[in-house]
Protein backbone atom coordinates (compact mmCIF):
# COMPACT_ATOMS: atom_id res chain seq x y z
CA MET A 1 46.37 -42.37 -74.92
CA THR A 2 48.29 -44.45 -76.84
CA THR A 3 47.06 -47.82 -78.34
CA LYS A 4 49.72 -50.57 -78.03
CA ALA A 5 47.60 -53.69 -78.53
CA VAL A 6 44.64 -54.69 -80.64
CA ILE A 7 42.49 -57.15 -79.30
CA PHE A 8 39.72 -58.61 -81.57
CA ASP A 9 36.30 -60.46 -81.09
CA VAL A 10 36.45 -64.32 -82.96
CA ASP A 11 32.84 -64.85 -84.18
CA GLY A 12 32.02 -62.59 -87.27
CA VAL A 13 35.00 -60.41 -86.55
CA LEU A 14 37.72 -62.76 -87.59
CA VAL A 15 35.96 -66.00 -88.65
CA ARG A 16 32.92 -66.98 -90.05
CA THR A 17 31.64 -68.79 -87.08
CA ASP A 18 28.75 -66.53 -86.26
CA ALA A 19 26.62 -67.79 -88.91
CA MET A 20 27.61 -71.64 -87.75
CA HIS A 21 26.63 -70.77 -84.35
CA GLU A 22 23.22 -69.22 -86.10
CA ARG A 23 22.13 -72.24 -88.01
CA ALA A 24 23.09 -74.32 -84.81
CA TRP A 25 20.63 -71.85 -83.09
CA ARG A 26 18.17 -72.37 -85.54
CA ALA A 27 18.44 -76.19 -85.72
CA LEU A 28 17.89 -75.97 -81.80
CA ALA A 29 14.81 -74.07 -82.21
CA GLU A 30 13.33 -76.00 -84.82
CA ARG A 31 13.65 -79.24 -82.58
CA GLU A 32 11.79 -77.86 -79.74
CA GLY A 33 8.89 -76.11 -81.43
CA LEU A 34 10.41 -72.66 -80.56
CA PRO A 35 9.97 -69.52 -82.97
CA PHE A 36 13.49 -68.22 -84.17
CA PRO A 37 12.62 -64.17 -84.61
CA ASP A 38 14.26 -62.05 -86.97
CA GLY A 39 16.06 -60.07 -84.59
CA LEU A 40 17.32 -63.01 -82.36
CA PRO A 41 20.86 -63.55 -84.32
CA ASP A 42 21.84 -59.74 -83.26
CA LYS A 43 20.79 -60.66 -79.87
CA LEU A 44 23.01 -63.89 -79.62
CA ARG A 45 25.97 -62.33 -80.46
CA GLY A 46 28.76 -61.84 -78.10
CA VAL A 47 26.58 -63.72 -75.55
CA SER A 48 27.26 -66.74 -73.45
CA ARG A 49 25.53 -69.97 -74.26
CA GLU A 50 23.85 -70.13 -71.27
CA ARG A 51 22.58 -66.41 -72.19
CA SER A 52 21.73 -67.20 -75.41
CA LEU A 53 19.59 -70.30 -74.60
CA GLU A 54 17.89 -68.45 -71.97
CA LEU A 55 16.63 -65.34 -75.17
CA LEU A 56 16.11 -68.27 -77.47
CA LEU A 57 13.89 -69.95 -75.10
CA GLY A 58 12.19 -66.67 -73.94
CA SER A 59 8.62 -67.08 -72.58
CA ALA A 60 9.57 -71.27 -72.59
CA ASN A 61 12.31 -70.93 -70.45
CA ASP A 62 10.04 -72.38 -67.25
CA ARG A 63 8.76 -75.53 -69.32
CA TYR A 64 12.64 -76.51 -68.89
CA THR A 65 14.42 -77.82 -65.70
CA ASN A 66 18.05 -77.17 -65.58
CA GLU A 67 19.28 -80.66 -66.76
CA GLN A 68 17.33 -80.13 -69.99
CA ARG A 69 19.33 -76.90 -70.56
CA VAL A 70 22.30 -78.80 -70.15
CA GLU A 71 21.39 -81.24 -73.03
CA LEU A 72 20.21 -78.28 -74.96
CA MET A 73 23.27 -76.83 -74.74
CA HIS A 74 24.94 -79.95 -75.66
CA TYR A 75 22.74 -80.61 -78.74
CA LYS A 76 23.71 -76.86 -80.02
CA ASN A 77 27.14 -77.34 -79.26
CA GLU A 78 28.15 -80.87 -80.82
CA LEU A 79 25.83 -78.89 -83.76
CA PHE A 80 28.45 -76.27 -83.86
CA LEU A 81 31.74 -78.05 -83.47
CA ALA A 82 30.92 -79.93 -86.44
CA GLU A 83 30.87 -77.15 -88.47
CA VAL A 84 34.11 -76.35 -86.80
CA ARG A 85 35.91 -79.53 -87.25
CA ALA A 86 35.79 -78.65 -90.59
CA MET A 87 36.75 -75.15 -90.84
CA THR A 88 39.73 -74.04 -93.33
CA PRO A 89 41.68 -70.75 -93.46
CA ALA A 90 39.05 -70.14 -96.25
CA ASP A 91 36.64 -69.47 -93.68
CA VAL A 92 38.99 -65.94 -92.19
CA LEU A 93 36.69 -63.12 -92.95
CA PRO A 94 37.91 -60.66 -95.63
CA GLY A 95 40.39 -58.14 -94.75
CA VAL A 96 41.64 -59.89 -91.72
CA ARG A 97 44.78 -61.25 -92.80
CA GLU A 98 45.67 -58.12 -94.13
CA LEU A 99 45.23 -56.09 -91.14
CA ILE A 100 46.87 -58.35 -88.96
CA ALA A 101 49.99 -57.69 -91.25
CA GLU A 102 49.78 -54.34 -91.20
CA LEU A 103 49.47 -54.23 -87.56
CA LYS A 104 51.93 -56.42 -86.62
CA ASN A 105 54.36 -54.85 -88.70
CA ALA A 106 53.60 -51.36 -87.11
CA GLY A 107 54.65 -53.31 -83.65
CA ILE A 108 51.14 -53.64 -82.23
CA LYS A 109 50.45 -56.81 -79.86
CA LEU A 110 47.49 -58.20 -80.80
CA ALA A 111 44.96 -60.92 -79.37
CA ALA A 112 41.38 -62.05 -79.82
CA ALA A 113 38.92 -62.24 -76.87
CA SER A 114 35.61 -64.47 -77.29
CA ALA A 115 32.60 -65.76 -75.17
CA SER A 116 32.57 -68.50 -76.69
CA ARG A 117 34.42 -71.15 -74.87
CA ASN A 118 35.10 -72.77 -78.71
CA ALA A 119 37.40 -70.02 -80.07
CA ARG A 120 40.46 -71.39 -80.07
CA ARG A 121 39.44 -74.45 -81.90
CA GLY A 122 38.43 -71.70 -84.79
CA LEU A 123 41.38 -70.05 -84.69
CA ASP A 124 43.69 -73.14 -84.79
CA ARG A 125 41.41 -74.05 -87.89
CA THR A 126 41.83 -70.93 -89.81
CA ASP A 127 45.27 -70.65 -89.00
CA LEU A 128 44.94 -67.51 -86.76
CA ALA A 129 45.79 -68.49 -83.58
CA SER A 130 49.85 -67.87 -84.76
CA SER A 131 49.30 -64.62 -85.76
CA LEU A 132 48.19 -63.52 -81.91
CA ASP A 133 49.87 -62.80 -78.90
CA ALA A 134 46.95 -64.07 -76.89
CA ILE A 135 43.69 -65.81 -76.79
CA ILE A 136 41.23 -65.26 -74.22
CA ASP A 137 37.89 -67.53 -74.30
CA GLY A 138 34.43 -68.02 -72.50
CA ASN A 139 36.91 -71.09 -70.60
CA ASP A 140 39.43 -68.58 -69.02
CA ALA A 141 36.84 -65.74 -68.68
CA PRO A 142 33.40 -67.22 -67.27
CA LEU A 143 32.15 -63.96 -66.88
CA ALA A 144 30.46 -63.12 -70.30
CA LYS A 145 29.91 -60.06 -72.31
CA PRO A 146 29.57 -57.34 -70.78
CA ASN A 147 31.00 -58.12 -67.99
CA PRO A 148 35.14 -56.81 -69.24
CA GLN A 149 36.40 -59.85 -67.69
CA CYS A 150 37.29 -61.52 -70.93
CA PHE A 151 39.13 -58.03 -72.10
CA LEU A 152 40.93 -57.14 -69.03
CA LEU A 153 42.46 -60.55 -68.89
CA THR A 154 43.39 -60.30 -72.33
CA ALA A 155 45.17 -57.00 -71.22
CA GLN A 156 46.68 -58.50 -68.65
CA ALA A 157 48.19 -61.23 -70.67
CA LEU A 158 49.63 -58.88 -73.32
CA GLY A 159 51.31 -56.69 -70.40
CA VAL A 160 49.46 -53.75 -71.71
CA ALA A 161 47.34 -51.43 -69.54
CA PRO A 162 43.27 -51.27 -70.64
CA THR A 163 43.24 -47.74 -71.33
CA ASN A 164 46.50 -48.82 -74.26
CA CYS A 165 44.08 -51.18 -75.64
CA MET A 166 41.66 -51.35 -78.73
CA VAL A 167 38.94 -53.89 -79.10
CA VAL A 168 37.50 -54.60 -82.56
CA GLU A 169 33.43 -55.95 -82.00
CA ASP A 170 30.85 -56.64 -84.02
CA ALA A 171 28.48 -57.14 -81.15
CA PRO A 172 26.67 -54.66 -78.77
CA ALA A 173 27.61 -56.90 -75.57
CA GLY A 174 31.57 -56.73 -76.78
CA VAL A 175 30.80 -52.47 -77.12
CA ASP A 176 29.64 -52.53 -73.79
CA ALA A 177 32.20 -54.50 -72.36
CA ALA A 178 35.25 -53.20 -73.70
CA ILE A 179 33.69 -49.70 -72.53
CA ASN A 180 33.32 -51.43 -69.00
CA ALA A 181 37.08 -52.01 -69.61
CA GLY A 182 38.15 -48.68 -70.54
CA MET A 183 39.12 -49.34 -74.22
CA VAL A 184 38.55 -47.56 -77.49
CA VAL A 185 36.57 -49.63 -79.51
CA VAL A 186 36.06 -50.00 -83.28
CA GLY A 187 32.87 -51.27 -84.39
CA VAL A 188 32.43 -53.31 -87.76
CA GLY A 189 28.93 -54.77 -89.00
CA PRO A 190 25.82 -54.52 -87.08
CA CYS A 191 28.55 -52.54 -84.85
CA GLU A 192 29.44 -50.02 -87.08
CA SER A 193 26.95 -47.20 -86.80
CA ASP A 194 27.09 -47.46 -82.97
CA PRO A 195 27.95 -43.72 -81.39
CA ARG A 196 30.11 -45.27 -79.04
CA VAL A 197 32.91 -46.46 -81.33
CA ALA A 198 35.63 -44.53 -82.38
CA VAL A 199 35.81 -46.32 -85.64
CA GLY A 200 33.17 -48.16 -87.59
CA ALA A 201 32.84 -49.89 -91.03
CA PRO A 202 30.75 -52.39 -92.49
CA SER A 203 33.98 -54.87 -92.10
CA LEU A 204 37.73 -54.95 -91.67
CA VAL A 205 38.02 -54.82 -95.75
CA GLU A 206 37.23 -51.15 -95.08
CA ILE A 207 39.77 -50.52 -91.85
CA SER A 208 43.31 -50.37 -92.33
CA ALA A 209 46.36 -49.75 -90.01
CA GLN A 210 46.45 -46.12 -90.92
CA ALA A 211 42.81 -45.72 -90.11
CA LEU A 212 43.33 -46.93 -86.61
CA GLY A 213 46.35 -44.72 -86.18
CA TRP A 214 49.54 -46.46 -87.17
CA PRO A 215 50.73 -45.40 -90.25
CA SER A 216 51.13 -49.20 -92.84
CA ARG A 217 54.66 -49.75 -94.18
CA LEU A 218 53.97 -52.68 -95.91
């Protein structure tokens, strides 16, 4: 198999928005008097807003009407967007710009695929959007990870077969989605030790184009 494209997850892989999401969900939990278990942040990675709310509410799900759930998600989203509006290029995670430059130099197509419906905003605020050939977010792909829809749509947008795509993910749901799409997976952060990933590392600082199979000519 020849890899022709690399598709990055956004939150926690390219930019620091994963921590922003966590703070917003924590604030919502505090407002509602709900517990926020230590293991919950990892479960929220890579899943839709609706699924995140379901996980946060837990056994309290039946206490809320559909209208109340919509209000809860709106409240959380407004908290998150307040932080997004303050983002700058300094919020790009270490190693990201260097790896993107190496991959572009090697002629590899680059894209971002996220379950978040606000992914484009963060990429615009951090000046990463212009470095990518395609961006697919939750507005384009309503079927959230582990459904492979977002990755399959990204491959289509790039004009590359799914089997010729490599995905960089930090969430179990994202790893599932990439595998379901027939793509090779690079796991970072919480997913670096996942036995299903081809390459694993704590962050993109430790990953080079050469480590992914391309000689760097920079």
